Amino acid sequence: MTLHRWFLPSAPDVLGTLREQLTVTLEGLEALRSWAGGDPSQADVVRACEHRADVHKREVSELLTTAFTTPLEPEDLLSLSRGIDAVMNGAKDAVREAEVMALAPDGPIAEMAALLLEGMRRLGEALELLEAKATERATAAADAAIKSERRIERVYRRAMATLLEVDDLREVMARRELYRRFSRLGDGVVDVAERIWYAVVKEA
């Protein structure tokens, strides 16, 4: 008699890997906040976290090619991973640009870095709630992340207005570019939050 071996479909923990990517990203953004608060040694931590987060991003992509089933649609998981990656990459680029311009972070940059971290923490909560199928609470956490971005925009506008009082053209141009970078990082938070909304709507 011939014996047949049956295999269960592959169901890797894609969402867990995505959360690991976000956890490393949060470490990087905590380092960004410390850097923006006046600790230049944290720049290396930001860069190291960006490299580690890239590993998890690749793992998410690889797992999606083999997964038979996923907790969310593969398109949504990939978009979430790419959105989180964009924020971490932007944080690393902001630090590098400040170093190239020999520009120390100031008060507004410190405020925006703290709000960016807060927004990404809310997104971390949203992912955990999605995994627990608590969709209404997940969208509420995504809403909270967007509120953090709105506060970043207020800090950004206030900071840009203060540049009118600065006489040094080089400093004006450098700070304006750095402020814009942090504003774009806030946009990245919104992109991830909106993708969470979209995933919830499709699951409903």
C-alpha atoms as a PDB file:
ATOM      1  CA  MET A   1       0.000   0.000   0.000  1.00  0.00           C
ATOM      2  CA  THR A   2       1.337   3.384  -0.961  1.00  0.00           C
ATOM      3  CA  LEU A   3       1.394   5.994   1.765  1.00  0.00           C
ATOM      4  CA  HIS A   4       0.616   9.567   0.809  1.00  0.00           C
ATOM      5  CA  ARG A   5       1.940  12.460   2.871  1.00  0.00           C
ATOM      6  CA  TRP A   6      -0.228  15.520   3.040  1.00  0.00           C
ATOM      7  CA  PHE A   7       1.204  18.943   3.716  1.00  0.00           C
ATOM      8  CA  LEU A   8      -0.639  21.856   5.263  1.00  0.00           C
ATOM      9  CA  PRO A   9      -0.532  25.122   3.270  1.00  0.00           C
ATOM     10  CA  SER A  10       2.166  27.554   4.309  1.00  0.00           C
ATOM     11  CA  ALA A  11       0.916  30.182   6.767  1.00  0.00           C
ATOM     12  CA  PRO A  12       3.968  32.170   7.918  1.00  0.00           C
ATOM     13  CA  ASP A  13       3.569  34.933  10.470  1.00  0.00           C
ATOM     14  CA  VAL A  14       3.638  37.842   8.020  1.00  0.00           C
ATOM     15  CA  LEU A  15       1.860  40.252  10.334  1.00  0.00           C
ATOM     16  CA  GLY A  16       4.227  39.343  13.165  1.00  0.00           C
ATOM     17  CA  THR A  17       7.199  40.084  10.905  1.00  0.00           C
ATOM     18  CA  LEU A  18       5.616  43.390   9.942  1.00  0.00           C
ATOM     19  CA  ARG A  19       5.261  44.246  13.625  1.00  0.00           C
ATOM     20  CA  GLU A  20       8.947  43.406  14.108  1.00  0.00           C
ATOM     21  CA  GLN A  21       9.762  45.863  11.337  1.00  0.00           C
ATOM     22  CA  LEU A  22       7.705  48.503  13.098  1.00  0.00           C
ATOM     23  CA  THR A  23       9.335  47.720  16.463  1.00  0.00           C
ATOM     24  CA  VAL A  24      12.787  48.378  15.015  1.00  0.00           C
ATOM     25  CA  THR A  25      11.442  51.510  13.330  1.00  0.00           C
ATOM     26  CA  LEU A  26      10.187  52.737  16.699  1.00  0.00           C
ATOM     27  CA  GLU A  27      13.657  52.163  18.151  1.00  0.00           C
ATOM     28  CA  GLY A  28      15.053  54.255  15.330  1.00  0.00           C
ATOM     29  CA  LEU A  29      12.541  57.032  15.901  1.00  0.00           C
ATOM     30  CA  GLU A  30      13.296  57.035  19.636  1.00  0.00           C
ATOM     31  CA  ALA A  31      16.942  57.553  18.677  1.00  0.00           C
ATOM     32  CA  LEU A  32      15.845  60.298  16.267  1.00  0.00           C
ATOM     33  CA  ARG A  33      14.034  62.044  19.111  1.00  0.00           C
ATOM     34  CA  SER A  34      17.149  61.832  21.287  1.00  0.00           C
ATOM     35  CA  TRP A  35      19.298  63.112  18.428  1.00  0.00           C
ATOM     36  CA  ALA A  36      16.897  66.001  17.857  1.00  0.00           C
ATOM     37  CA  GLY A  37      17.019  66.725  21.587  1.00  0.00           C
ATOM     38  CA  GLY A  38      20.766  67.295  21.454  1.00  0.00           C
ATOM     39  CA  ASP A  39      22.480  63.875  21.544  1.00  0.00           C
ATOM     40  CA  PRO A  40      24.497  63.566  18.293  1.00  0.00           C
ATOM     41  CA  SER A  41      25.659  60.049  19.185  1.00  0.00           C
ATOM     42  CA  GLN A  42      22.129  58.815  18.434  1.00  0.00           C
ATOM     43  CA  ALA A  43      22.674  59.448  14.731  1.00  0.00           C
ATOM     44  CA  ASP A  44      24.514  56.133  14.476  1.00  0.00           C
ATOM     45  CA  VAL A  45      21.627  54.377  16.233  1.00  0.00           C
ATOM     46  CA  VAL A  46      19.185  55.803  13.675  1.00  0.00           C
ATOM     47  CA  ARG A  47      21.325  54.449  10.843  1.00  0.00           C
ATOM     48  CA  ALA A  48      21.703  51.045  12.480  1.00  0.00           C
ATOM     49  CA  CYS A  49      17.955  50.753  12.996  1.00  0.00           C
ATOM     50  CA  GLU A  50      17.318  51.644   9.366  1.00  0.00           C
ATOM     51  CA  HIS A  51      19.508  48.726   8.273  1.00  0.00           C
ATOM     52  CA  ARG A  52      17.811  46.328  10.706  1.00  0.00           C
ATOM     53  CA  ALA A  53      14.352  47.457   9.606  1.00  0.00           C
ATOM     54  CA  ASP A  54      15.338  46.784   5.987  1.00  0.00           C
ATOM     55  CA  VAL A  55      15.984  43.152   6.897  1.00  0.00           C
ATOM     56  CA  HIS A  56      12.448  42.785   8.237  1.00  0.00           C
ATOM     57  CA  LYS A  57      11.023  44.557   5.191  1.00  0.00           C
ATOM     58  CA  ARG A  58      12.717  41.995   2.945  1.00  0.00           C
ATOM     59  CA  GLU A  59      11.398  39.192   5.154  1.00  0.00           C
ATOM     60  CA  VAL A  60       7.852  40.500   4.758  1.00  0.00           C
ATOM     61  CA  SER A  61       8.222  40.481   0.967  1.00  0.00           C
ATOM     62  CA  GLU A  62       9.710  36.979   0.959  1.00  0.00           C
ATOM     63  CA  LEU A  63       7.033  35.555   3.235  1.00  0.00           C
ATOM     64  CA  LEU A  64       4.287  36.968   1.041  1.00  0.00           C
ATOM     65  CA  THR A  65       5.628  34.964  -1.903  1.00  0.00           C
ATOM     66  CA  THR A  66       5.164  31.682  -0.014  1.00  0.00           C
ATOM     67  CA  ALA A  67       2.151  32.337   2.210  1.00  0.00           C
ATOM     68  CA  PHE A  68      -0.995  30.414   1.267  1.00  0.00           C
ATOM     69  CA  THR A  69      -3.121  32.536   3.581  1.00  0.00           C
ATOM     70  CA  THR A  70      -2.501  35.880   5.265  1.00  0.00           C
ATOM     71  CA  PRO A  71      -4.412  37.813   7.974  1.00  0.00           C
ATOM     72  CA  LEU A  72      -4.800  40.753   5.600  1.00  0.00           C
ATOM     73  CA  GLU A  73      -4.595  40.894   1.836  1.00  0.00           C
ATOM     74  CA  PRO A  74      -0.975  40.605   0.625  1.00  0.00           C
ATOM     75  CA  GLU A  75      -1.281  43.957  -1.176  1.00  0.00           C
ATOM     76  CA  ASP A  76      -2.145  45.694   2.095  1.00  0.00           C
ATOM     77  CA  LEU A  77       0.650  44.005   4.049  1.00  0.00           C
ATOM     78  CA  LEU A  78       3.198  44.941   1.410  1.00  0.00           C
ATOM     79  CA  SER A  79       1.964  48.538   1.286  1.00  0.00           C
ATOM     80  CA  LEU A  80       2.114  48.818   5.087  1.00  0.00           C
ATOM     81  CA  SER A  81       5.666  47.467   5.101  1.00  0.00           C
ATOM     82  CA  ARG A  82       6.734  49.900   2.390  1.00  0.00           C
ATOM     83  CA  GLY A  83       5.083  52.812   4.194  1.00  0.00           C
ATOM     84  CA  ILE A  84       6.834  52.014   7.466  1.00  0.00           C
ATOM     85  CA  ASP A  85      10.106  51.646   5.570  1.00  0.00           C
ATOM     86  CA  ALA A  86       9.652  55.057   3.952  1.00  0.00           C
ATOM     87  CA  VAL A  87       9.371  56.710   7.382  1.00  0.00           C
ATOM     88  CA  MET A  88      12.504  54.980   8.679  1.00  0.00           C
ATOM     89  CA  ASN A  89      14.429  55.854   5.524  1.00  0.00           C
ATOM     90  CA  GLY A  90      13.278  59.460   5.817  1.00  0.00           C
ATOM     91  CA  ALA A  91      14.479  59.656   9.409  1.00  0.00           C
ATOM     92  CA  LYS A  92      17.918  58.403   8.415  1.00  0.00           C
ATOM     93  CA  ASP A  93      18.054  60.867   5.504  1.00  0.00           C
ATOM     94  CA  ALA A  94      17.059  63.779   7.753  1.00  0.00           C
ATOM     95  CA  VAL A  95      19.919  63.038  10.136  1.00  0.00           C
ATOM     96  CA  ARG A  96      22.364  62.671   7.271  1.00  0.00           C
ATOM     97  CA  GLU A  97      21.253  65.938   5.683  1.00  0.00           C
ATOM     98  CA  ALA A  98      21.647  67.811   8.963  1.00  0.00           C
ATOM     99  CA  GLU A  99      25.165  66.405   9.281  1.00  0.00           C
ATOM    100  CA  VAL A 100      26.081  67.378   5.725  1.00  0.00           C
ATOM    101  CA  MET A 101      24.833  70.918   6.311  1.00  0.00           C
ATOM    102  CA  ALA A 102      26.529  71.025   9.748  1.00  0.00           C
ATOM    103  CA  LEU A 103      23.188  72.062  11.193  1.00  0.00           C
ATOM    104  CA  ALA A 104      22.306  71.178  14.768  1.00  0.00           C
ATOM    105  CA  PRO A 105      18.633  70.327  15.400  1.00  0.00           C
ATOM    106  CA  ASP A 106      16.615  73.033  17.109  1.00  0.00           C
ATOM    107  CA  GLY A 107      13.421  73.217  19.171  1.00  0.00           C
ATOM    108  CA  PRO A 108      10.934  72.750  16.307  1.00  0.00           C
ATOM    109  CA  ILE A 109      12.847  69.750  14.985  1.00  0.00           C
ATOM    110  CA  ALA A 110      12.831  68.222  18.468  1.00  0.00           C
ATOM    111  CA  GLU A 111       9.066  68.784  18.700  1.00  0.00           C
ATOM    112  CA  MET A 112       8.417  67.229  15.311  1.00  0.00           C
ATOM    113  CA  ALA A 113      10.634  64.239  16.096  1.00  0.00           C
ATOM    114  CA  ALA A 114       8.686  63.591  19.302  1.00  0.00           C
ATOM    115  CA  LEU A 115       5.349  63.853  17.493  1.00  0.00           C
ATOM    116  CA  LEU A 116       6.586  61.544  14.748  1.00  0.00           C
ATOM    117  CA  LEU A 117       7.461  58.923  17.350  1.00  0.00           C
ATOM    118  CA  GLU A 118       4.058  59.350  18.961  1.00  0.00           C
ATOM    119  CA  GLY A 119       2.297  58.860  15.642  1.00  0.00           C
ATOM    120  CA  MET A 120       4.219  55.698  14.823  1.00  0.00           C
ATOM    121  CA  ARG A 121       3.472  54.299  18.276  1.00  0.00           C
ATOM    122  CA  ARG A 122      -0.224  54.733  17.558  1.00  0.00           C
ATOM    123  CA  LEU A 123       0.287  52.853  14.304  1.00  0.00           C
ATOM    124  CA  GLY A 124       1.944  50.056  16.268  1.00  0.00           C
ATOM    125  CA  GLU A 125      -1.166  49.850  18.416  1.00  0.00           C
ATOM    126  CA  ALA A 126      -3.305  49.772  15.279  1.00  0.00           C
ATOM    127  CA  LEU A 127      -1.387  46.796  13.891  1.00  0.00           C
ATOM    128  CA  GLU A 128      -1.755  44.875  17.135  1.00  0.00           C
ATOM    129  CA  LEU A 129      -5.487  45.602  17.154  1.00  0.00           C
ATOM    130  CA  LEU A 130      -5.801  44.497  13.545  1.00  0.00           C
ATOM    131  CA  GLU A 131      -4.192  41.198  14.452  1.00  0.00           C
ATOM    132  CA  ALA A 132      -6.712  40.835  17.294  1.00  0.00           C
ATOM    133  CA  LYS A 133      -9.543  41.605  14.831  1.00  0.00           C
ATOM    134  CA  ALA A 134     -10.485  44.698  16.882  1.00  0.00           C
ATOM    135  CA  THR A 135     -11.050  46.726  13.738  1.00  0.00           C
ATOM    136  CA  GLU A 136     -12.894  49.692  15.255  1.00  0.00           C
ATOM    137  CA  ARG A 137     -10.154  50.223  17.820  1.00  0.00           C
ATOM    138  CA  ALA A 138      -7.534  49.786  15.093  1.00  0.00           C
ATOM    139  CA  THR A 139      -9.032  52.617  13.061  1.00  0.00           C
ATOM    140  CA  ALA A 140      -9.239  54.756  16.208  1.00  0.00           C
ATOM    141  CA  ALA A 141      -5.515  54.221  16.761  1.00  0.00           C
ATOM    142  CA  ALA A 142      -4.877  55.155  13.119  1.00  0.00           C
ATOM    143  CA  ASP A 143      -6.945  58.321  13.678  1.00  0.00           C
ATOM    144  CA  ALA A 144      -4.728  59.160  16.667  1.00  0.00           C
ATOM    145  CA  ALA A 145      -1.646  58.757  14.484  1.00  0.00           C
ATOM    146  CA  ILE A 146      -3.065  61.245  11.990  1.00  0.00           C
ATOM    147  CA  LYS A 147      -3.727  63.721  14.800  1.00  0.00           C
ATOM    148  CA  SER A 148      -0.008  63.560  15.629  1.00  0.00           C
ATOM    149  CA  GLU A 149       0.761  64.440  12.010  1.00  0.00           C
ATOM    150  CA  ARG A 150      -1.583  67.430  12.170  1.00  0.00           C
ATOM    151  CA  ARG A 151       0.374  68.672  15.170  1.00  0.00           C
ATOM    152  CA  ILE A 152       3.599  68.221  13.207  1.00  0.00           C
ATOM    153  CA  GLU A 153       2.128  70.474  10.545  1.00  0.00           C
ATOM    154  CA  ARG A 154       1.365  73.159  13.110  1.00  0.00           C
ATOM    155  CA  VAL A 155       4.917  73.045  14.437  1.00  0.00           C
ATOM    156  CA  TYR A 156       6.205  73.139  10.862  1.00  0.00           C
ATOM    157  CA  ARG A 157       4.226  76.247   9.943  1.00  0.00           C
ATOM    158  CA  ARG A 158       5.245  78.014  13.129  1.00  0.00           C
ATOM    159  CA  ALA A 159       8.911  77.150  12.543  1.00  0.00           C
ATOM    160  CA  MET A 160       8.807  78.330   8.940  1.00  0.00           C
ATOM    161  CA  ALA A 161       7.341  81.649  10.065  1.00  0.00           C
ATOM    162  CA  THR A 162      10.194  82.216  12.518  1.00  0.00           C
ATOM    163  CA  LEU A 163      12.717  81.903   9.683  1.00  0.00           C
ATOM    164  CA  LEU A 164      11.565  85.320   8.485  1.00  0.00           C
ATOM    165  CA  GLU A 165      13.406  86.766  11.463  1.00  0.00           C
ATOM    166  CA  VAL A 166      16.718  85.041  10.608  1.00  0.00           C
ATOM    167  CA  ASP A 167      19.261  87.127   8.681  1.00  0.00           C
ATOM    168  CA  ASP A 168      21.682  84.327   7.784  1.00  0.00           C
ATOM    169  CA  LEU A 169      20.495  83.115   4.356  1.00  0.00           C
ATOM    170  CA  ARG A 170      22.466  79.884   4.601  1.00  0.00           C
ATOM    171  CA  GLU A 171      20.803  78.985   7.893  1.00  0.00           C
ATOM    172  CA  VAL A 172      17.376  79.900   6.526  1.00  0.00           C
ATOM    173  CA  MET A 173      17.780  77.603   3.530  1.00  0.00           C
ATOM    174  CA  ALA A 174      19.211  74.735   5.585  1.00  0.00           C
ATOM    175  CA  ARG A 175      16.559  74.869   8.286  1.00  0.00           C
ATOM    176  CA  ARG A 176      13.776  75.253   5.764  1.00  0.00           C
ATOM    177  CA  GLU A 177      14.869  72.049   4.025  1.00  0.00           C
ATOM    178  CA  LEU A 178      15.157  70.153   7.291  1.00  0.00           C
ATOM    179  CA  TYR A 179      11.755  71.371   8.461  1.00  0.00           C
ATOM    180  CA  ARG A 180      10.288  70.187   5.164  1.00  0.00           C
ATOM    181  CA  ARG A 181      11.856  66.774   5.612  1.00  0.00           C
ATOM    182  CA  PHE A 182      10.170  66.351   8.982  1.00  0.00           C
ATOM    183  CA  SER A 183       6.881  67.519   7.538  1.00  0.00           C
ATOM    184  CA  ARG A 184       7.179  64.835   4.838  1.00  0.00           C
ATOM    185  CA  LEU A 185       7.881  62.247   7.533  1.00  0.00           C
ATOM    186  CA  GLY A 186       4.542  63.202   9.038  1.00  0.00           C
ATOM    187  CA  ASP A 187       2.929  62.616   5.639  1.00  0.00           C
ATOM    188  CA  GLY A 188       4.397  59.119   5.748  1.00  0.00           C
ATOM    189  CA  VAL A 189       2.557  58.439   9.010  1.00  0.00           C
ATOM    190  CA  VAL A 190      -0.695  59.451   7.318  1.00  0.00           C
ATOM    191  CA  ASP A 191       0.000  57.127   4.396  1.00  0.00           C
ATOM    192  CA  VAL A 192       0.355  54.130   6.731  1.00  0.00           C
ATOM    193  CA  ALA A 193      -2.718  55.132   8.746  1.00  0.00           C
ATOM    194  CA  GLU A 194      -4.844  55.440   5.630  1.00  0.00           C
ATOM    195  CA  ARG A 195      -3.680  52.028   4.450  1.00  0.00           C
ATOM    196  CA  ILE A 196      -4.848  50.598   7.769  1.00  0.00           C
ATOM    197  CA  TRP A 197      -8.262  52.199   7.185  1.00  0.00           C
ATOM    198  CA  TYR A 198      -8.357  50.700   3.697  1.00  0.00           C
ATOM    199  CA  ALA A 199      -7.465  47.241   4.993  1.00  0.00           C
ATOM    200  CA  VAL A 200     -10.195  47.463   7.635  1.00  0.00           C
ATOM    201  CA  VAL A 201     -12.797  48.484   5.045  1.00  0.00           C
ATOM    202  CA  LYS A 202     -11.901  45.508   2.851  1.00  0.00           C
ATOM    203  CA  GLU A 203     -12.064  43.143   5.802  1.00  0.00           C
ATOM    204  CA  ALA A 204     -15.522  44.395   6.830  1.00  0.00           C
END
